[in-house]
Each structure stands twice: as C-alpha cells, then as structure tokens.
Protein backbone atom coordinates (compact mmCIF):
# COMPACT_ATOMS: atom_id res chain seq x y z
CA MET A 1 11.38 12.47 17.48
CA ALA A 2 12.42 15.69 15.78
CA LYS A 3 15.73 17.51 15.80
CA LEU A 4 15.03 21.07 16.95
CA LEU A 5 16.95 24.32 17.22
CA VAL A 6 15.59 26.87 19.71
CA VAL A 7 16.86 30.42 19.13
CA ASP A 8 16.07 33.08 21.75
CA ASP A 9 18.14 35.72 23.53
CA GLU A 10 16.24 35.07 26.78
CA LYS A 11 18.32 32.35 28.45
CA ASN A 12 15.68 31.19 30.94
CA LEU A 13 13.06 30.84 28.20
CA ARG A 14 15.48 28.87 26.02
CA LEU A 15 16.18 26.45 28.85
CA VAL A 16 12.50 25.99 29.73
CA VAL A 17 11.59 25.24 26.10
CA GLN A 18 14.57 22.93 25.69
CA LYS A 19 13.72 20.99 28.85
CA GLU A 20 10.04 20.57 27.95
CA LEU A 21 10.62 19.51 24.34
CA SER A 22 13.44 17.17 25.37
CA ARG A 23 11.08 15.59 27.89
CA GLN A 24 8.73 14.82 25.01
CA GLY A 25 11.49 12.90 23.20
CA HIS A 26 12.89 15.52 20.83
CA GLU A 27 16.57 16.26 20.33
CA VAL A 28 16.94 19.95 21.18
CA GLU A 29 19.82 22.37 20.70
CA THR A 30 19.77 26.09 21.55
CA ALA A 31 21.36 29.32 20.34
CA PRO A 32 21.30 32.84 21.87
CA ASP A 33 21.01 34.79 18.59
CA GLY A 34 20.68 34.50 14.84
CA GLU A 35 24.40 34.31 14.06
CA ALA A 36 24.96 31.48 16.55
CA ALA A 37 21.91 29.73 15.13
CA TRP A 38 23.30 30.03 11.58
CA GLU A 39 26.56 28.42 12.69
CA ALA A 40 24.55 25.49 14.11
CA LEU A 41 22.51 25.22 10.90
CA GLU A 42 25.71 25.09 8.81
CA ALA A 43 27.06 22.28 10.99
CA SER A 44 23.96 20.08 11.14
CA ASP A 45 20.49 19.52 9.67
CA PHE A 46 17.43 20.35 11.78
CA ASP A 47 13.78 19.46 11.29
CA VAL A 48 12.26 22.50 13.02
CA LEU A 49 13.66 25.92 13.91
CA LEU A 50 12.01 27.82 16.81
CA CYS A 51 13.09 31.41 16.42
CA ASP A 52 12.53 34.63 18.34
CA ILE A 53 12.25 37.78 16.21
CA ASN A 54 13.97 40.46 18.28
CA MET A 55 17.56 39.31 18.87
CA PRO A 56 21.04 40.88 18.78
CA ARG A 57 23.51 40.46 15.87
CA LEU A 58 21.04 38.76 13.49
CA ASP A 59 17.30 39.00 14.17
CA GLY A 60 14.71 36.33 13.41
CA ILE A 61 13.57 37.80 10.10
CA GLY A 62 17.18 38.04 8.88
CA LEU A 63 17.84 34.44 9.94
CA LEU A 64 14.68 33.25 8.18
CA ARG A 65 15.73 34.96 4.94
CA ARG A 66 19.19 33.39 5.14
CA VAL A 67 17.74 29.95 5.82
CA ARG A 68 15.39 30.15 2.82
CA GLU A 69 18.10 31.44 0.51
CA LYS A 70 21.05 29.25 1.49
CA CYS A 71 19.81 25.99 3.05
CA GLN A 72 19.45 23.14 0.56
CA THR A 73 16.81 21.47 2.75
CA PRO A 74 15.59 24.24 5.06
CA PRO A 75 13.88 23.33 8.34
CA GLU A 76 10.32 24.34 9.05
CA VAL A 77 10.44 27.64 10.97
CA ILE A 78 8.16 28.63 13.85
CA MET A 79 8.52 32.30 14.84
CA LEU A 80 8.15 33.31 18.49
CA THR A 81 7.15 36.93 18.96
CA GLY A 82 6.00 39.46 21.53
CA GLN A 83 2.69 41.36 21.24
CA ALA A 84 4.42 44.40 19.75
CA THR A 85 5.86 42.49 16.80
CA VAL A 86 2.86 40.66 15.36
CA GLU A 87 3.36 42.51 12.07
CA SER A 88 6.86 41.09 11.89
CA ALA A 89 5.46 37.63 12.47
CA ILE A 90 3.04 38.10 9.57
CA GLU A 91 5.97 39.22 7.44
CA ALA A 92 7.76 36.04 8.47
CA MET A 93 4.79 33.97 7.27
CA LYS A 94 5.07 35.64 3.88
CA LEU A 95 8.76 34.69 3.81
CA GLY A 96 7.89 31.01 4.30
CA ALA A 97 7.67 30.46 8.07
CA TYR A 98 5.44 27.52 9.04
CA ASP A 99 3.60 29.45 11.78
CA TYR A 100 4.13 31.82 14.70
CA LEU A 101 3.26 32.01 18.37
CA THR A 102 2.79 35.17 20.41
CA LYS A 103 4.48 35.38 23.81
CA PRO A 104 3.54 34.31 26.38
CA TYR A 105 2.50 30.98 24.90
CA ARG A 106 1.57 27.66 26.45
CA LEU A 107 4.14 24.89 26.22
CA ASN A 108 1.55 22.32 25.16
CA GLU A 109 0.49 24.65 22.35
CA LEU A 110 4.13 24.99 21.27
CA ALA A 111 4.66 21.20 21.45
CA ALA A 112 1.63 20.55 19.24
CA LEU A 113 2.85 23.06 16.67
CA VAL A 114 6.34 21.50 16.69
CA ASN A 115 4.84 18.07 15.97
CA GLN A 116 2.85 19.43 13.04
CA ALA A 117 5.87 21.24 11.59
CA ASP A 118 8.02 18.14 12.02
CA GLU A 119 5.44 16.02 10.21
CA LYS A 120 5.46 18.44 7.28
CA GLN A 121 9.27 18.44 7.19
CA LYS A 122 9.47 14.66 7.14
CA LEU A 123 6.86 14.47 4.37
CA LYS A 124 8.91 16.96 2.36
CA ILE A 125 12.08 14.89 2.76
CA ASP A 126 10.24 11.62 2.06
CA ASN A 127 8.85 13.06 -1.18
CA GLN A 128 12.34 14.06 -2.26
CA ARG A 129 13.63 10.57 -1.55
CA LEU A 130 10.69 8.86 -3.22
CA ARG A 131 11.14 10.84 -6.42
CA ALA A 132 14.76 9.74 -6.58
CA GLN A 133 13.86 6.15 -5.71
CA ILE A 134 11.21 5.91 -8.41
CA GLU A 135 13.84 6.76 -11.00
CA ARG A 136 15.90 3.74 -9.90
CA THR A 137 13.29 1.17 -8.92
CA SER A 138 12.49 -1.65 -11.30
CA LYS A 139 8.82 -1.91 -12.27
CA HIS A 140 8.84 -5.67 -12.01
CA ILE A 141 10.24 -8.01 -9.40
CA PRO A 142 11.55 -11.21 -10.99
CA ASP A 143 10.49 -14.67 -9.97
CA ILE A 144 12.99 -17.22 -8.75
CA VAL A 145 13.05 -20.70 -10.26
CA ALA A 146 14.52 -23.20 -7.81
CA GLU A 147 14.04 -26.95 -8.23
CA SER A 148 17.57 -28.15 -7.52
CA PRO A 149 18.76 -29.02 -3.99
CA GLN A 150 21.44 -26.32 -4.30
CA MET A 151 18.93 -23.56 -5.03
CA LYS A 152 16.54 -24.78 -2.37
CA GLU A 153 19.43 -24.47 0.09
CA VAL A 154 20.09 -20.92 -1.16
CA LEU A 155 16.45 -19.99 -0.50
CA ARG A 156 16.62 -21.60 2.93
CA LEU A 157 19.55 -19.33 3.75
CA VAL A 158 17.60 -16.35 2.39
CA ARG A 159 14.70 -17.08 4.74
CA ARG A 160 17.11 -17.55 7.63
CA VAL A 161 19.00 -14.27 7.25
CA ALA A 162 16.21 -11.99 5.99
CA PRO A 163 14.60 -11.15 9.38
CA SER A 164 17.85 -9.75 10.79
CA ASP A 165 19.87 -6.65 9.91
CA THR A 166 22.99 -8.74 9.26
CA SER A 167 25.15 -7.70 6.31
CA VAL A 168 25.14 -10.34 3.58
CA LEU A 169 27.74 -11.14 0.92
CA ILE A 170 26.42 -13.04 -2.10
CA THR A 171 29.07 -14.83 -4.14
CA GLY A 172 28.88 -16.63 -7.45
CA GLU A 173 29.79 -16.39 -11.11
CA SER A 174 28.44 -13.58 -13.28
CA GLY A 175 24.84 -14.13 -14.30
CA THR A 176 23.88 -16.56 -11.55
CA GLY A 177 21.27 -14.18 -10.14
CA LYS A 178 22.97 -12.50 -7.18
CA GLU A 179 20.83 -9.36 -7.42
CA LEU A 180 17.66 -11.44 -7.46
CA ILE A 181 18.68 -13.15 -4.24
CA ALA A 182 19.39 -9.72 -2.73
CA GLN A 183 15.89 -8.59 -3.73
CA ALA A 184 14.41 -11.73 -2.17
CA ILE A 185 16.18 -11.01 1.13
CA HIS A 186 14.80 -7.48 1.11
CA ARG A 187 11.25 -8.53 0.18
CA ILE A 188 10.83 -10.83 3.18
CA SER A 189 12.72 -8.65 5.65
CA PRO A 190 11.23 -6.11 8.10
CA ARG A 191 12.55 -3.44 5.71
CA ALA A 192 10.35 -4.60 2.82
CA GLU A 193 8.19 -1.46 2.92
CA LYS A 194 11.27 0.73 2.50
CA ALA A 195 13.51 1.18 -0.52
CA PHE A 196 15.74 -1.40 -2.20
CA ILE A 197 18.53 0.59 -3.86
CA ASP A 198 21.11 -1.09 -6.08
CA LEU A 199 24.44 -0.01 -7.54
CA ASN A 200 26.95 -1.85 -9.74
CA CYS A 201 30.33 -0.68 -8.46
CA ALA A 202 32.02 -1.73 -11.71
CA ALA A 203 29.70 0.35 -13.88
CA LEU A 204 30.91 3.81 -12.81
CA GLN A 205 34.21 5.63 -12.99
CA ASP A 206 36.02 5.99 -9.67
CA SER A 207 35.40 9.75 -9.65
CA LEU A 208 31.63 9.29 -9.93
CA LEU A 209 31.20 6.36 -7.59
CA GLU A 210 31.70 8.37 -4.38
CA SER A 211 29.14 10.98 -5.45
CA GLU A 212 26.68 8.22 -6.40
CA LEU A 213 27.07 6.52 -3.02
CA PHE A 214 27.20 9.50 -0.69
CA GLY A 215 25.71 12.34 -2.75
CA HIS A 216 27.16 15.79 -3.15
CA GLU A 217 26.49 19.40 -2.28
CA ALA A 218 25.96 22.18 -4.80
CA GLY A 219 29.31 23.41 -6.07
CA ALA A 220 31.22 20.37 -4.81
CA PHE A 221 32.74 19.93 -8.27
CA SER A 222 32.30 21.21 -11.81
CA GLY A 223 28.73 20.59 -12.93
CA ALA A 224 27.31 20.06 -9.43
CA ARG A 225 24.64 22.76 -9.63
CA ALA A 226 22.41 21.42 -6.88
CA ARG A 227 22.51 19.03 -3.95
CA LYS A 228 22.14 15.38 -4.91
CA LEU A 229 21.13 12.71 -2.42
CA GLY A 230 23.40 9.67 -2.48
CA LEU A 231 22.22 6.08 -2.54
CA PHE A 232 22.92 5.71 1.19
CA GLU A 233 20.32 8.41 1.88
CA LEU A 234 17.84 7.00 -0.62
CA ALA A 235 18.13 3.61 1.07
CA ASP A 236 17.59 5.02 4.57
CA GLY A 237 15.42 2.53 6.47
CA GLY A 238 15.77 0.02 3.64
CA THR A 239 18.43 -2.01 1.85
CA LEU A 240 21.46 -0.96 -0.19
CA PHE A 241 22.76 -3.57 -2.64
CA LEU A 242 26.32 -3.10 -3.90
CA ASP A 243 27.00 -5.42 -6.82
CA GLU A 244 30.63 -6.19 -7.77
CA ILE A 245 31.75 -4.58 -4.51
CA MET A 246 35.31 -5.81 -4.93
CA GLU A 247 35.73 -3.55 -7.96
CA MET A 248 35.51 -0.55 -5.63
CA PRO A 249 38.70 1.58 -5.51
CA ALA A 250 40.79 1.37 -2.33
CA GLN A 251 40.22 5.00 -1.28
CA LEU A 252 36.45 4.59 -1.41
CA GLN A 253 36.63 1.28 0.47
CA SER A 254 37.86 3.13 3.56
CA LYS A 255 35.01 5.64 3.34
CA LEU A 256 32.49 2.85 2.92
CA LEU A 257 33.92 1.05 5.95
CA ARG A 258 33.57 4.16 8.12
CA ALA A 259 30.02 4.74 6.92
CA LEU A 260 29.08 1.17 7.82
CA GLU A 261 30.75 1.37 11.23
CA THR A 262 29.31 4.73 12.28
CA ARG A 263 26.13 4.80 10.16
CA THR A 264 27.13 8.35 9.24
CA PHE A 265 28.91 10.02 6.34
CA PHE A 266 29.52 13.37 4.66
CA ARG A 267 28.27 14.24 1.21
CA VAL A 268 31.00 15.17 -1.27
CA GLY A 269 31.80 18.82 -0.56
CA GLY A 270 29.61 18.78 2.56
CA VAL A 271 30.32 19.62 6.20
CA LYS A 272 27.12 18.25 7.73
CA LYS A 273 27.21 14.69 9.01
CA VAL A 274 24.34 12.61 7.59
CA GLU A 275 22.92 9.78 9.72
CA VAL A 276 21.33 6.75 8.05
CA ASP A 277 19.89 3.35 8.94
CA VAL A 278 20.78 1.06 6.05
CA ARG A 279 21.17 -2.69 5.65
CA LEU A 280 23.97 -3.63 3.28
CA ILE A 281 23.89 -6.56 0.89
CA ALA A 282 26.93 -6.95 -1.35
CA ALA A 283 27.83 -9.28 -4.19
CA THR A 284 30.95 -10.34 -6.05
CA ASN A 285 32.03 -12.82 -8.69
CA ARG A 286 35.53 -12.95 -7.20
CA ASP A 287 36.99 -15.19 -4.53
CA PRO A 288 36.85 -12.87 -1.47
CA ASP A 289 39.84 -14.42 0.31
CA ARG A 290 41.96 -14.21 -2.80
CA ALA A 291 40.98 -10.56 -3.37
CA VAL A 292 42.13 -9.75 0.17
CA ALA A 293 45.36 -11.73 -0.21
CA GLU A 294 46.18 -9.87 -3.44
CA GLY A 295 45.56 -6.50 -1.79
CA GLN A 296 42.54 -5.66 -3.95
CA PHE A 297 40.07 -5.53 -1.06
CA ARG A 298 40.39 -4.51 2.58
CA SER A 299 40.21 -7.37 5.07
CA ASP A 300 38.38 -5.21 7.66
CA LEU A 301 35.77 -4.22 5.08
CA LEU A 302 35.31 -7.86 4.08
CA TYR A 303 34.74 -8.68 7.75
CA ARG A 304 32.08 -5.95 7.89
CA VAL A 305 30.18 -6.95 4.73
CA ASN A 306 30.56 -10.73 5.08
CA SER A 307 28.66 -11.37 8.28
CA PHE A 308 26.63 -13.98 6.38
CA GLU A 309 27.64 -15.49 3.03
CA ILE A 310 25.38 -17.04 0.39
CA ASN A 311 27.04 -18.76 -2.57
CA ILE A 312 25.02 -19.33 -5.75
CA PRO A 313 26.25 -22.28 -7.82
CA PRO A 314 26.34 -21.94 -11.62
CA LEU A 315 23.60 -23.51 -13.70
CA ARG A 316 25.91 -26.27 -14.99
CA GLU A 317 26.01 -27.66 -11.46
CA ARG A 318 22.22 -27.79 -11.03
CA ALA A 319 20.71 -29.42 -14.07
CA GLU A 320 17.36 -29.79 -12.29
CA ASP A 321 16.76 -26.06 -12.80
CA ILE A 322 17.29 -26.04 -16.58
CA GLU A 323 13.91 -27.35 -17.74
CA PRO A 324 11.79 -25.32 -15.24
CA LEU A 325 13.81 -22.24 -16.16
CA ALA A 326 13.25 -22.82 -19.88
CA ARG A 327 9.49 -23.17 -19.33
CA HIS A 328 9.48 -20.05 -17.16
CA LEU A 329 11.30 -18.03 -19.80
CA LEU A 330 8.97 -19.26 -22.51
CA GLU A 331 5.88 -18.24 -20.54
CA LYS A 332 7.35 -14.83 -19.77
CA ILE A 333 8.25 -14.17 -23.39
CA ALA A 334 5.25 -15.73 -25.17
CA GLY A 335 2.54 -15.13 -22.58
CA PRO A 336 -0.44 -17.40 -21.84
CA ASP A 337 -0.42 -18.91 -25.36
CA ALA A 338 3.17 -20.08 -25.09
CA ALA A 339 4.13 -23.25 -26.91
CA SER A 340 4.97 -26.24 -24.75
CA ILE A 341 8.39 -27.81 -24.47
CA THR A 342 8.45 -31.43 -25.57
CA GLU A 343 10.21 -34.06 -23.54
CA PRO A 344 12.93 -34.62 -26.20
CA ALA A 345 13.61 -30.86 -26.22
CA ALA A 346 13.76 -30.73 -22.44
CA GLU A 347 16.11 -33.70 -22.41
CA ALA A 348 18.31 -31.97 -24.99
CA TYR A 349 18.58 -28.87 -22.79
CA VAL A 350 19.98 -30.90 -19.92
CA HIS A 351 22.57 -32.61 -22.11
CA LEU A 352 23.73 -29.62 -24.15
CA PRO A 353 27.50 -29.88 -24.71
CA GLY A 354 29.45 -27.25 -22.77
CA GLN A 355 26.49 -25.96 -20.75
CA ALA A 356 26.65 -22.22 -20.10
CA THR A 357 28.29 -21.39 -16.82
CA SER A 358 26.43 -18.17 -16.11
CA VAL A 359 22.83 -18.55 -17.26
CA SER A 360 20.57 -16.87 -14.73
CA PHE A 361 17.95 -18.93 -12.90
CA ALA A 362 15.46 -16.09 -13.06
CA THR A 363 14.16 -13.60 -15.57
CA VAL A 364 12.90 -10.07 -15.61
C-alpha cells in the first residue's frame, strides 16, 4: 500500500483515479490545484504524487520545483499531461519527475506506474534508514552463558515472550546483561530481520534525548542543518531498546507514552505526524514501584512498558555461571589456543570473598 496524492483541476477525473487506486489498496488523497497540494504535502508525507500540469494558482511544474527544493524526503512524482503539453512533461522529467502519462491514459497503466514509483520511494527511504542503522549496529552479537537455574528461567521467559509484540521491562543490577537479553528477545522474534536499535537514556543530556528519540527537522534548533531520523523511525518494523528508562526526564516521559499509545509522533520542530510500528523493550537497575512512588517515573508509562517483566539476578546469586563464564571469556580473549582453567582455579572463582555483584554473564 502506498500513500498517494492526486492533484488535478478536473474533479471527475480526480474522483475516478482516487476510487480506482483506493480499490487497489492505496491510501489516496486529492487536491484541486498546486497550492492545495502543497498544503497537503506540508501536513503529511506521501509516497507518490500524481500531478496534472495545467492547473490554476500553482501549475504542476511549479509544484514539482517546490517539492524538489523544499521537501526533505520528496515523493516520487508522476506528471499527467494532455497531448499539447508533452514538452512540459519532458521538462518535468529533467526536474526529477519519475515519469509522465499522456491523457487519456488507461487506469491499469497508471496503477502499474504508481506501484513502480512507490517501490522506488520505499527503497530510497529504506536506504536512508539502513545507513543510519549501520552506524549504530554492533558488528558482533554476544553469546549468553547460562548454566544456573536462574538464568535458564530467564531464557525460558525470553523464548515465551519473544514471538509476541508485548512490551518487556528487564530489571536487574548494572552489568547483569540486560541489553543482551533484549537482543536475544529480538533475535528470536518475528522482527528479527528488522533493526534492533538501542539507546541509554542516562547517557544523553535531557535536551538531546528528545531529538535522539524522535528526530528533528532542519532548523529545529541551533546546529540542526538537516533533517535527522530519530531512533523510533530507525526501529520501524523492529525493536527499540531503551536502557535505564527511568532516568528519562518527566517531560519526555509523557511524549514517549503518547508515542507508544498512538504509534505516532512529531519530529522536533516538525508538523508532520510520523507513523511507526515499533516493539519496545526497556531496562532499569531501579526498583520500578519505588521509582513510581517517589514520583520519578509515571505510573501510566510503567504500565505501558511493563507488560512482561524479566528480572536478571546478579552473578553472586548464581555461582553455577561463574566457571562457564570464565572459560567463555578466556576463549574469547585468547582464541583457539587459550589456556585451560584448572580445577583449583575454578574452585577459587566460586569462593572469591565479596563476589562482584554486577559481573556480566556474557561478553562482546
């Protein structure tokens, strides 16, 4: 399905095209002239623009120029022209139009051209997202070491919740491997072929966190020279992992709640509503109920993100994982010729005085 804008001053033709393309599953809006079309383009994003050339107020060529100059992500444009204006259509091609059709045209011919233009538009947007994702994606997915009953239970819960779109809250002390569990949920979920995007909410200043999450438009603030896609957009179709979510400022918590409830948001400085399909996984080292009681986290947001909770116990409570983890680390660091761990050394690991409370059970 594509989102289309049909622009033509002939009302009957607009309605016929709208009805036919809607019947084929597309979302179709119409406009009677170039100025009305530009107002629609400012209010919403479209995949394909079907545009007549001869129109009052702002003609098709003028609209095409404005689209190419001012739209951050311009739609693919198909020009619709009469026999007498073929030269104008050729001019439109030089200005970046995808193609043109001469009136009268067949509706099946128009529908095929719309599908081709939509495919190109989606590839263009996917390439933009992939470039941004590559900059954030880790090159290596860590392995999980789990020999203790506690960690085997954690992995059982991972397998149970992964197939659904349920929001998950992962709790546990710092360093217990919450992000690795989030990655495991994503890897065995139906979203595994899409992006896994992560953000540590405690790592950014409050003023930058909103832009990082929702993106911004050019000129939204000092230094914003171009549109930036936020992590919600980069994670579209995939999973967004928000680590240390309870460090998020109160004002941004309300915006996050609305985005989760409506699956829509506005970029910073933007007026176009962006629709996304994102699964949220969050993590915290705090006690969620206490954070709500102390007014540090919204109760309604906790309800939204904590549809399913997984708690990871610290390593001191699962001694069975210490020796396998030590061997795993040694193999990762030293490679195939790694030295072995003797039984006395392994025994010493388990009985170390004051065992670390936050040693991760996995390694990168």
